[in-house]
PDB file of N, CA and C in Angstrom:
ATOM      1  N   MET A   1       0.817  -1.190   0.000  1.00  0.00           N
ATOM      2  CA  MET A   1       0.000   0.000   0.000  1.00  0.00           C
ATOM      3  C   MET A   1       0.868   1.264   0.000  1.00  0.00           C
ATOM      4  N   LYS A   2       1.943   1.263   0.815  1.00  0.00           N
ATOM      5  CA  LYS A   2       2.810   2.433   0.888  1.00  0.00           C
ATOM      6  C   LYS A   2       3.385   2.762  -0.493  1.00  0.00           C
ATOM      7  N   HIS A   3       3.792   1.727  -1.220  1.00  0.00           N
ATOM      8  CA  HIS A   3       4.372   1.941  -2.546  1.00  0.00           C
ATOM      9  C   HIS A   3       3.330   2.522  -3.498  1.00  0.00           C
ATOM     10  N   THR A   4       2.081   2.068  -3.401  1.00  0.00           N
ATOM     11  CA  THR A   4       1.007   2.572  -4.250  1.00  0.00           C
ATOM     12  C   THR A   4       0.735   4.047  -3.959  1.00  0.00           C
ATOM     13  N   LEU A   5       0.713   4.417  -2.699  1.00  0.00           N
ATOM     14  CA  LEU A   5       0.502   5.822  -2.335  1.00  0.00           C
ATOM     15  C   LEU A   5       1.658   6.694  -2.817  1.00  0.00           C
ATOM     16  N   ARG A   6       2.862   6.182  -2.696  1.00  0.00           N
ATOM     17  CA  ARG A   6       4.034   6.933  -3.160  1.00  0.00           C
ATOM     18  C   ARG A   6       3.966   7.144  -4.665  1.00  0.00           C
ATOM     19  N   GLU A   7       3.584   6.105  -5.397  1.00  0.00           N
ATOM     20  CA  GLU A   7       3.468   6.208  -6.859  1.00  0.00           C
ATOM     21  C   GLU A   7       2.389   7.214  -7.246  1.00  0.00           C
ATOM     22  N   ALA A   8       1.257   7.189  -6.553  1.00  0.00           N
ATOM     23  CA  ALA A   8       0.174   8.140  -6.838  1.00  0.00           C
ATOM     24  C   ALA A   8       0.633   9.567  -6.570  1.00  0.00           C
ATOM     25  N   ALA A   9       1.330   9.787  -5.481  1.00  0.00           N
ATOM     26  CA  ALA A   9       1.828  11.126  -5.154  1.00  0.00           C
ATOM     27  C   ALA A   9       2.826  11.597  -6.202  1.00  0.00           C
ATOM     28  N   ARG A  10       3.669  10.677  -6.687  1.00  0.00           N
ATOM     29  CA  ARG A  10       4.653  11.045  -7.716  1.00  0.00           C
ATOM     30  C   ARG A  10       3.940  11.445  -8.999  1.00  0.00           C
ATOM     31  N   VAL A  11       2.943  10.664  -9.413  1.00  0.00           N
ATOM     32  CA  VAL A  11       2.201  10.953 -10.641  1.00  0.00           C
ATOM     33  C   VAL A  11       1.491  12.293 -10.553  1.00  0.00           C
ATOM     34  N   LEU A  12       0.973  12.622  -9.389  1.00  0.00           N
ATOM     35  CA  LEU A  12       0.261  13.892  -9.196  1.00  0.00           C
ATOM     36  C   LEU A  12       1.215  15.079  -9.021  1.00  0.00           C
ATOM     37  N   GLY A  13       2.506  14.797  -8.988  1.00  0.00           N
ATOM     38  CA  GLY A  13       3.481  15.875  -8.839  1.00  0.00           C
ATOM     39  C   GLY A  13       3.630  16.353  -7.410  1.00  0.00           C
ATOM     40  N   LEU A  14       3.152  15.566  -6.460  1.00  0.00           N
ATOM     41  CA  LEU A  14       3.241  15.952  -5.055  1.00  0.00           C
ATOM     42  C   LEU A  14       4.528  15.471  -4.404  1.00  0.00           C
ATOM     43  N   LEU A  15       5.221  14.593  -5.080  1.00  0.00           N
ATOM     44  CA  LEU A  15       6.428  14.008  -4.526  1.00  0.00           C
ATOM     45  C   LEU A  15       7.580  14.276  -5.478  1.00  0.00           C
ATOM     46  N   ASP A  16       8.583  14.953  -4.990  1.00  0.00           N
ATOM     47  CA  ASP A  16       9.745  15.291  -5.808  1.00  0.00           C
ATOM     48  C   ASP A  16      10.848  14.286  -5.510  1.00  0.00           C
ATOM     49  N   GLU A  17      10.814  13.155  -6.190  1.00  0.00           N
ATOM     50  CA  GLU A  17      11.806  12.113  -5.950  1.00  0.00           C
ATOM     51  C   GLU A  17      12.941  12.221  -6.941  1.00  0.00           C
ATOM     52  N   SER A  18      14.077  11.790  -6.488  1.00  0.00           N
ATOM     53  CA  SER A  18      15.213  11.670  -7.384  1.00  0.00           C
ATOM     54  C   SER A  18      15.874  10.327  -7.105  1.00  0.00           C
ATOM     55  N   TYR A  19      16.669   9.902  -8.043  1.00  0.00           N
ATOM     56  CA  TYR A  19      17.337   8.616  -7.963  1.00  0.00           C
ATOM     57  C   TYR A  19      18.836   8.832  -8.023  1.00  0.00           C
ATOM     58  N   VAL A  20      19.564   7.967  -7.347  1.00  0.00           N
ATOM     59  CA  VAL A  20      21.020   7.966  -7.382  1.00  0.00           C
ATOM     60  C   VAL A  20      21.465   6.575  -7.816  1.00  0.00           C
ATOM     61  N   LEU A  21      22.695   6.472  -8.272  1.00  0.00           N
ATOM     62  CA  LEU A  21      23.264   5.176  -8.630  1.00  0.00           C
ATOM     63  C   LEU A  21      24.139   4.706  -7.484  1.00  0.00           C
ATOM     64  N   GLU A  22      23.812   3.544  -6.971  1.00  0.00           N
ATOM     65  CA  GLU A  22      24.520   2.986  -5.823  1.00  0.00           C
ATOM     66  C   GLU A  22      25.231   1.706  -6.235  1.00  0.00           C
ATOM     67  N   ARG A  23      26.439   1.517  -5.736  1.00  0.00           N
ATOM     68  CA  ARG A  23      27.153   0.260  -5.954  1.00  0.00           C
ATOM     69  C   ARG A  23      27.482  -0.344  -4.597  1.00  0.00           C
ATOM     70  N   SER A  24      27.684  -1.636  -4.564  1.00  0.00           N
ATOM     71  CA  SER A  24      27.971  -2.307  -3.297  1.00  0.00           C
ATOM     72  C   SER A  24      29.425  -2.753  -3.268  1.00  0.00           C
ATOM     73  N   GLY A  25      29.834  -3.232  -2.106  1.00  0.00           N
ATOM     74  CA  GLY A  25      31.185  -3.757  -1.977  1.00  0.00           C
ATOM     75  C   GLY A  25      32.254  -2.707  -1.780  1.00  0.00           C
ATOM     76  N   VAL A  26      31.851  -1.462  -1.510  1.00  0.00           N
ATOM     77  CA  VAL A  26      32.794  -0.370  -1.275  1.00  0.00           C
ATOM     78  C   VAL A  26      32.335   0.408  -0.044  1.00  0.00           C
ATOM     79  N   THR A  27      33.204   1.269   0.461  1.00  0.00           N
ATOM     80  CA  THR A  27      32.829   2.069   1.626  1.00  0.00           C
ATOM     81  C   THR A  27      31.784   3.112   1.239  1.00  0.00           C
ATOM     82  N   TRP A  28      31.108   3.656   2.246  1.00  0.00           N
ATOM     83  CA  TRP A  28      30.056   4.656   2.027  1.00  0.00           C
ATOM     84  C   TRP A  28      30.589   5.853   1.252  1.00  0.00           C
ATOM     85  N   ASN A  29      31.845   6.235   1.457  1.00  0.00           N
ATOM     86  CA  ASN A  29      32.413   7.412   0.803  1.00  0.00           C
ATOM     87  C   ASN A  29      32.758   7.201  -0.667  1.00  0.00           C
ATOM     88  N   GLU A  30      32.598   5.982  -1.164  1.00  0.00           N
ATOM     89  CA  GLU A  30      32.838   5.729  -2.589  1.00  0.00           C
ATOM     90  C   GLU A  30      31.712   4.895  -3.197  1.00  0.00           C
ATOM     91  N   ARG A  31      30.543   4.944  -2.577  1.00  0.00           N
ATOM     92  CA  ARG A  31      29.415   4.096  -2.984  1.00  0.00           C
ATOM     93  C   ARG A  31      28.568   4.671  -4.111  1.00  0.00           C
ATOM     94  N   PHE A  32      28.494   5.994  -4.269  1.00  0.00           N
ATOM     95  CA  PHE A  32      27.530   6.609  -5.186  1.00  0.00           C
ATOM     96  C   PHE A  32      28.217   7.285  -6.369  1.00  0.00           C
ATOM     97  N   TYR A  33      27.602   7.134  -7.547  1.00  0.00           N
ATOM     98  CA  TYR A  33      28.110   7.794  -8.748  1.00  0.00           C
ATOM     99  C   TYR A  33      27.938   9.297  -8.581  1.00  0.00           C
ATOM    100  N   VAL A  34      29.015  10.050  -8.809  1.00  0.00           N
ATOM    101  CA  VAL A  34      29.001  11.504  -8.654  1.00  0.00           C
ATOM    102  C   VAL A  34      28.972  12.185 -10.015  1.00  0.00           C
ATOM    103  N   SER A  35      29.955  11.912 -10.855  1.00  0.00           N
ATOM    104  CA  SER A  35      30.005  12.510 -12.193  1.00  0.00           C
ATOM    105  C   SER A  35      31.195  11.937 -12.953  1.00  0.00           C
ATOM    106  N   GLY A  36      31.264  12.295 -14.219  1.00  0.00           N
ATOM    107  CA  GLY A  36      32.395  11.879 -15.035  1.00  0.00           C
ATOM    108  C   GLY A  36      32.210  10.509 -15.645  1.00  0.00           C
ATOM    109  N   ASP A  37      33.306   9.902 -15.997  1.00  0.00           N
ATOM    110  CA  ASP A  37      33.313   8.582 -16.632  1.00  0.00           C
ATOM    111  C   ASP A  37      32.889   7.531 -15.613  1.00  0.00           C
ATOM    112  N   PRO A  38      31.779   6.824 -15.865  1.00  0.00           N
ATOM    113  CA  PRO A  38      31.320   5.840 -14.888  1.00  0.00           C
ATOM    114  C   PRO A  38      32.247   4.633 -14.725  1.00  0.00           C
ATOM    115  N   ASP A  39      33.287   4.523 -15.541  1.00  0.00           N
ATOM    116  CA  ASP A  39      34.270   3.450 -15.369  1.00  0.00           C
ATOM    117  C   ASP A  39      35.482   3.899 -14.560  1.00  0.00           C
ATOM    118  N   ASP A  40      35.517   5.152 -14.159  1.00  0.00           N
ATOM    119  CA  ASP A  40      36.642   5.710 -13.405  1.00  0.00           C
ATOM    120  C   ASP A  40      36.319   5.664 -11.916  1.00  0.00           C
ATOM    121  N   GLU A  41      37.198   5.054 -11.119  1.00  0.00           N
ATOM    122  CA  GLU A  41      37.001   4.980  -9.666  1.00  0.00           C
ATOM    123  C   GLU A  41      36.782   6.366  -9.048  1.00  0.00           C
ATOM    124  N   GLY A  42      37.372   7.401  -9.637  1.00  0.00           N
ATOM    125  CA  GLY A  42      37.248   8.759  -9.110  1.00  0.00           C
ATOM    126  C   GLY A  42      35.878   9.374  -9.337  1.00  0.00           C
ATOM    127  N   SER A  43      34.993   8.670 -10.011  1.00  0.00           N
ATOM    128  CA  SER A  43      33.654   9.180 -10.305  1.00  0.00           C
ATOM    129  C   SER A  43      32.649   8.860  -9.212  1.00  0.00           C
ATOM    130  N   PHE A  44      33.117   8.345  -8.092  1.00  0.00           N
ATOM    131  CA  PHE A  44      32.235   7.926  -7.017  1.00  0.00           C
ATOM    132  C   PHE A  44      32.537   8.672  -5.734  1.00  0.00           C
ATOM    133  N   GLY A  45      31.517   8.835  -4.898  1.00  0.00           N
ATOM    134  CA  GLY A  45      31.680   9.541  -3.637  1.00  0.00           C
ATOM    135  C   GLY A  45      30.525   9.228  -2.700  1.00  0.00           C
ATOM    136  N   PRO A  46      30.371  10.036  -1.636  1.00  0.00           N
ATOM    137  CA  PRO A  46      29.305   9.810  -0.656  1.00  0.00           C
ATOM    138  C   PRO A  46      27.944  10.290  -1.179  1.00  0.00           C
ATOM    139  N   LEU A  47      26.887   9.939  -0.470  1.00  0.00           N
ATOM    140  CA  LEU A  47      25.531  10.277  -0.879  1.00  0.00           C
ATOM    141  C   LEU A  47      25.329  11.780  -1.063  1.00  0.00           C
ATOM    142  N   ASP A  48      25.907  12.594  -0.201  1.00  0.00           N
ATOM    143  CA  ASP A  48      25.669  14.040  -0.320  1.00  0.00           C
ATOM    144  C   ASP A  48      26.290  14.653  -1.565  1.00  0.00           C
ATOM    145  N   SER A  49      27.153  13.916  -2.266  1.00  0.00           N
ATOM    146  CA  SER A  49      27.744  14.393  -3.527  1.00  0.00           C
ATOM    147  C   SER A  49      27.174  13.689  -4.751  1.00  0.00           C
ATOM    148  N   ALA A  50      26.269  12.742  -4.547  1.00  0.00           N
ATOM    149  CA  ALA A  50      25.780  11.890  -5.633  1.00  0.00           C
ATOM    150  C   ALA A  50      25.022  12.667  -6.706  1.00  0.00           C
ATOM    151  N   ALA A  51      25.226  12.265  -7.951  1.00  0.00           N
ATOM    152  CA  ALA A  51      24.446  12.812  -9.064  1.00  0.00           C
ATOM    153  C   ALA A  51      23.007  12.337  -8.904  1.00  0.00           C
ATOM    154  N   GLU A  52      22.057  13.204  -9.221  1.00  0.00           N
ATOM    155  CA  GLU A  52      20.644  12.860  -9.103  1.00  0.00           C
ATOM    156  C   GLU A  52      20.031  12.714 -10.488  1.00  0.00           C
ATOM    157  N   PHE A  53      19.131  11.745 -10.606  1.00  0.00           N
ATOM    158  CA  PHE A  53      18.438  11.465 -11.856  1.00  0.00           C
ATOM    159  C   PHE A  53      16.941  11.547 -11.604  1.00  0.00           C
ATOM    160  N   ALA A  54      16.205  12.022 -12.597  1.00  0.00           N
ATOM    161  CA  ALA A  54      14.756  12.195 -12.451  1.00  0.00           C
ATOM    162  C   ALA A  54      14.007  10.872 -12.466  1.00  0.00           C
ATOM    163  N   THR A  55      14.530   9.892 -13.189  1.00  0.00           N
ATOM    164  CA  THR A  55      13.848   8.600 -13.300  1.00  0.00           C
ATOM    165  C   THR A  55      14.869   7.469 -13.135  1.00  0.00           C
ATOM    166  N   PRO A  56      14.395   6.275 -12.769  1.00  0.00           N
ATOM    167  CA  PRO A  56      15.320   5.144 -12.701  1.00  0.00           C
ATOM    168  C   PRO A  56      15.897   4.799 -14.074  1.00  0.00           C
ATOM    169  N   GLY A  57      15.118   5.019 -15.129  1.00  0.00           N
ATOM    170  CA  GLY A  57      15.609   4.745 -16.482  1.00  0.00           C
ATOM    171  C   GLY A  57      16.770   5.634 -16.869  1.00  0.00           C
ATOM    172  N   GLU A  58      16.693   6.900 -16.491  1.00  0.00           N
ATOM    173  CA  GLU A  58      17.784   7.836 -16.764  1.00  0.00           C
ATOM    174  C   GLU A  58      19.050   7.384 -16.026  1.00  0.00           C
ATOM    175  N   ALA A  59      18.899   6.965 -14.796  1.00  0.00           N
ATOM    176  CA  ALA A  59      20.041   6.469 -14.019  1.00  0.00           C
ATOM    177  C   ALA A  59      20.595   5.189 -14.642  1.00  0.00           C
ATOM    178  N   GLN A  60      19.714   4.310 -15.072  1.00  0.00           N
ATOM    179  CA  GLN A  60      20.141   3.035 -15.645  1.00  0.00           C
ATOM    180  C   GLN A  60      20.928   3.234 -16.935  1.00  0.00           C
ATOM    181  N   ARG A  61      20.603   4.273 -17.705  1.00  0.00           N
ATOM    182  CA  ARG A  61      21.365   4.540 -18.940  1.00  0.00           C
ATOM    183  C   ARG A  61      22.823   4.848 -18.621  1.00  0.00           C
ATOM    184  N   VAL A  62      23.066   5.598 -17.549  1.00  0.00           N
ATOM    185  CA  VAL A  62      24.448   5.874 -17.141  1.00  0.00           C
ATOM    186  C   VAL A  62      25.093   4.593 -16.629  1.00  0.00           C
ATOM    187  N   ALA A  63      24.358   3.831 -15.826  1.00  0.00           N
ATOM    188  CA  ALA A  63      24.895   2.584 -15.264  1.00  0.00           C
ATOM    189  C   ALA A  63      25.280   1.599 -16.357  1.00  0.00           C
ATOM    190  N   SER A  64      24.507   1.563 -17.430  1.00  0.00           N
ATOM    191  CA  SER A  64      24.781   0.598 -18.504  1.00  0.00           C
ATOM    192  C   SER A  64      26.075   0.906 -19.256  1.00  0.00           C
ATOM    193  N   ARG A  65      26.590   2.119 -19.121  1.00  0.00           N
ATOM    194  CA  ARG A  65      27.859   2.489 -19.773  1.00  0.00           C
ATOM    195  C   ARG A  65      29.062   2.157 -18.897  1.00  0.00           C
ATOM    196  N   SER A  66      28.811   1.582 -17.726  1.00  0.00           N
ATOM    197  CA  SER A  66      29.876   1.342 -16.759  1.00  0.00           C
ATOM    198  C   SER A  66      30.206  -0.133 -16.633  1.00  0.00           C
ATOM    199  N   GLY A  67      31.438  -0.409 -16.275  1.00  0.00           N
ATOM    200  CA  GLY A  67      31.842  -1.772 -15.954  1.00  0.00           C
ATOM    201  C   GLY A  67      31.495  -2.146 -14.521  1.00  0.00           C
ATOM    202  N   PHE A  68      31.074  -1.163 -13.720  1.00  0.00           N
ATOM    203  CA  PHE A  68      30.667  -1.412 -12.343  1.00  0.00           C
ATOM    204  C   PHE A  68      29.181  -1.754 -12.308  1.00  0.00           C
ATOM    205  N   HIS A  69      28.805  -2.659 -11.414  1.00  0.00           N
ATOM    206  CA  HIS A  69      27.381  -2.940 -11.221  1.00  0.00           C
ATOM    207  C   HIS A  69      26.818  -1.848 -10.320  1.00  0.00           C
ATOM    208  N   MET A  70      25.869  -1.069 -10.843  1.00  0.00           N
ATOM    209  CA  MET A  70      25.238  -0.002 -10.072  1.00  0.00           C
ATOM    210  C   MET A  70      23.727  -0.168 -10.151  1.00  0.00           C
ATOM    211  N   THR A  71      23.057   0.197  -9.079  1.00  0.00           N
ATOM    212  CA  THR A  71      21.610   0.058  -8.987  1.00  0.00           C
ATOM    213  C   THR A  71      20.960   1.416  -8.770  1.00  0.00           C
ATOM    214  N   PRO A  72      19.970   1.795  -9.586  1.00  0.00           N
ATOM    215  CA  PRO A  72      19.222   3.023  -9.311  1.00  0.00           C
ATOM    216  C   PRO A  72      18.444   2.859  -8.006  1.00  0.00           C
ATOM    217  N   THR A  73      18.590   3.824  -7.119  1.00  0.00           N
ATOM    218  CA  THR A  73      17.953   3.783  -5.807  1.00  0.00           C
ATOM    219  C   THR A  73      17.309   5.128  -5.522  1.00  0.00           C
ATOM    220  N   GLU A  74      16.106   5.115  -4.966  1.00  0.00           N
ATOM    221  CA  GLU A  74      15.474   6.378  -4.587  1.00  0.00           C
ATOM    222  C   GLU A  74      16.299   7.018  -3.483  1.00  0.00           C
ATOM    223  N   ARG A  75      16.681   8.263  -3.699  1.00  0.00           N
ATOM    224  CA  ARG A  75      17.505   8.964  -2.720  1.00  0.00           C
ATOM    225  C   ARG A  75      16.832   9.006  -1.355  1.00  0.00           C
ATOM    226  N   SER A  76      15.520   9.206  -1.351  1.00  0.00           N
ATOM    227  CA  SER A  76      14.797   9.303  -0.083  1.00  0.00           C
ATOM    228  C   SER A  76      14.887   8.015   0.730  1.00  0.00           C
ATOM    229  N   ASP A  77      15.071   6.870   0.078  1.00  0.00           N
ATOM    230  CA  ASP A  77      15.215   5.614   0.803  1.00  0.00           C
ATOM    231  C   ASP A  77      16.539   5.527   1.548  1.00  0.00           C
ATOM    232  N   LEU A  78      17.494   6.340   1.159  1.00  0.00           N
ATOM    233  CA  LEU A  78      18.817   6.312   1.776  1.00  0.00           C
ATOM    234  C   LEU A  78      18.989   7.376   2.848  1.00  0.00           C
ATOM    235  N   GLU A  79      18.034   8.267   2.949  1.00  0.00           N
ATOM    236  CA  GLU A  79      18.113   9.360   3.914  1.00  0.00           C
ATOM    237  C   GLU A  79      17.253   9.057   5.124  1.00  0.00           C
ATOM    238  N   GLU A  80      17.544   9.717   6.216  1.00  0.00           N
ATOM    239  CA  GLU A  80      16.814   9.510   7.460  1.00  0.00           C
ATOM    240  C   GLU A  80      15.313   9.686   7.258  1.00  0.00           C
ATOM    241  N   GLY A  81      14.543   8.727   7.724  1.00  0.00           N
ATOM    242  CA  GLY A  81      13.099   8.794   7.630  1.00  0.00           C
ATOM    243  C   GLY A  81      12.536   8.182   6.362  1.00  0.00           C
ATOM    244  N   GLY A  82      13.349   7.960   5.333  1.00  0.00           N
ATOM    245  CA  GLY A  82      12.844   7.439   4.077  1.00  0.00           C
ATOM    246  C   GLY A  82      12.732   5.932   4.030  1.00  0.00           C
ATOM    247  N   ASN A  83      13.485   5.261   4.873  1.00  0.00           N
ATOM    248  CA  ASN A  83      13.522   3.810   4.858  1.00  0.00           C
ATOM    249  C   ASN A  83      13.138   3.301   6.242  1.00  0.00           C
ATOM    250  N   PRO A  84      12.161   2.409   6.347  1.00  0.00           N
ATOM    251  CA  PRO A  84      11.758   1.928   7.667  1.00  0.00           C
ATOM    252  C   PRO A  84      12.867   1.174   8.389  1.00  0.00           C
ATOM    253  N   PHE A  85      13.901   0.746   7.681  1.00  0.00           N
ATOM    254  CA  PHE A  85      15.009   0.034   8.303  1.00  0.00           C
ATOM    255  C   PHE A  85      16.167   0.971   8.664  1.00  0.00           C
ATOM    256  N   PHE A  86      16.013   2.270   8.387  1.00  0.00           N
ATOM    257  CA  PHE A  86      17.058   3.239   8.705  1.00  0.00           C
ATOM    258  C   PHE A  86      17.161   3.363  10.214  1.00  0.00           C
ATOM    259  N   SER A  87      18.353   3.403  10.739  1.00  0.00           N
ATOM    260  CA  SER A  87      18.562   3.366  12.184  1.00  0.00           C
ATOM    261  C   SER A  87      18.232   4.679  12.885  1.00  0.00           C
ATOM    262  N   GLY A  88      18.000   5.749  12.141  1.00  0.00           N
ATOM    263  CA  GLY A  88      17.728   7.031  12.775  1.00  0.00           C
ATOM    264  C   GLY A  88      18.949   7.921  12.856  1.00  0.00           C
ATOM    265  N   ARG A  89      20.089   7.400  12.490  1.00  0.00           N
ATOM    266  CA  ARG A  89      21.304   8.207  12.444  1.00  0.00           C
ATOM    267  C   ARG A  89      22.180   7.675  11.330  1.00  0.00           C
ATOM    268  N   LYS A  90      22.974   8.553  10.788  1.00  0.00           N
ATOM    269  CA  LYS A  90      23.882   8.135   9.728  1.00  0.00           C
ATOM    270  C   LYS A  90      25.048   7.379  10.356  1.00  0.00           C
ATOM    271  N   ARG A  91      25.500   6.330   9.665  1.00  0.00           N
ATOM    272  CA  ARG A  91      26.637   5.561  10.148  1.00  0.00           C
ATOM    273  C   ARG A  91      27.915   6.358   9.963  1.00  0.00           C
ATOM    274  N   THR A  92      28.845   6.135  10.859  1.00  0.00           N
ATOM    275  CA  THR A  92      30.167   6.722  10.670  1.00  0.00           C
ATOM    276  C   THR A  92      30.861   5.954   9.556  1.00  0.00           C
ATOM    277  N   ASN A  93      31.903   6.522   9.004  1.00  0.00           N
ATOM    278  CA  ASN A  93      32.650   5.832   7.952  1.00  0.00           C
ATOM    279  C   ASN A  93      33.170   4.491   8.441  1.00  0.00           C
ATOM    280  N   ALA A  94      33.612   4.429   9.697  1.00  0.00           N
ATOM    281  CA  ALA A  94      34.137   3.174  10.247  1.00  0.00           C
ATOM    282  C   ALA A  94      33.039   2.121  10.313  1.00  0.00           C
ATOM    283  N   GLU A  95      31.831   2.515  10.736  1.00  0.00           N
ATOM    284  CA  GLU A  95      30.711   1.569  10.798  1.00  0.00           C
ATOM    285  C   GLU A  95      30.333   1.090   9.404  1.00  0.00           C
ATOM    286  N   ALA A  96      30.277   2.003   8.463  1.00  0.00           N
ATOM    287  CA  ALA A  96      29.927   1.627   7.089  1.00  0.00           C
ATOM    288  C   ALA A  96      30.974   0.698   6.505  1.00  0.00           C
ATOM    289  N   SER A  97      32.248   0.983   6.746  1.00  0.00           N
ATOM    290  CA  SER A  97      33.320   0.133   6.228  1.00  0.00           C
ATOM    291  C   SER A  97      33.256  -1.254   6.845  1.00  0.00           C
ATOM    292  N   ALA A  98      32.996  -1.325   8.140  1.00  0.00           N
ATOM    293  CA  ALA A  98      32.902  -2.621   8.818  1.00  0.00           C
ATOM    294  C   ALA A  98      31.739  -3.424   8.256  1.00  0.00           C
ATOM    295  N   ARG A  99      30.600  -2.793   8.054  1.00  0.00           N
ATOM    296  CA  ARG A  99      29.446  -3.489   7.493  1.00  0.00           C
ATOM    297  C   ARG A  99      29.742  -3.951   6.074  1.00  0.00           C
ATOM    298  N   ASP A 100      30.375  -3.087   5.274  1.00  0.00           N
ATOM    299  CA  ASP A 100      30.695  -3.434   3.891  1.00  0.00           C
ATOM    300  C   ASP A 100      31.658  -4.620   3.832  1.00  0.00           C
ATOM    301  N   SER A 101      32.620  -4.669   4.733  1.00  0.00           N
ATOM    302  CA  SER A 101      33.596  -5.769   4.697  1.00  0.00           C
ATOM    303  C   SER A 101      32.940  -7.087   5.107  1.00  0.00           C
ATOM    304  N   ARG A 102      31.932  -7.014   5.962  1.00  0.00           N
ATOM    305  CA  ARG A 102      31.214  -8.244   6.355  1.00  0.00           C
ATOM    306  C   ARG A 102      30.320  -8.744   5.226  1.00  0.00           C
ATOM    307  N   SER A 103      29.732  -7.814   4.468  1.00  0.00           N
ATOM    308  CA  SER A 103      28.784  -8.223   3.416  1.00  0.00           C
ATOM    309  C   SER A 103      29.462  -8.537   2.091  1.00  0.00           C
ATOM    310  N   GLY A 104      30.686  -8.125   1.917  1.00  0.00           N
ATOM    311  CA  GLY A 104      31.350  -8.293   0.627  1.00  0.00           C
ATOM    312  C   GLY A 104      32.124  -9.509   0.551  1.00  0.00           C
TER     313      GLY A 104
END
């Protein structure tokens, strides 16, 4: 139901969503596509620097030009309050790195 309401709000122009490209297996500070050549390691950074896309399709077009596996993700799902599994505070770089090393 929540997803249906979100989609209706987006269609009506009540929700200003944007998408970012996220990759896994790296620390939080190099997880999101920022700009430039998507095959260059220097094109990635933290969420607050991430390039924003209006639609998942627009994000996927950039991802398809890259050798890295990247997933279009709603930015709001990564920010406080947007994801029901969000802890209520941003992880420190050390916490994010520790979690990434366990999952990778």
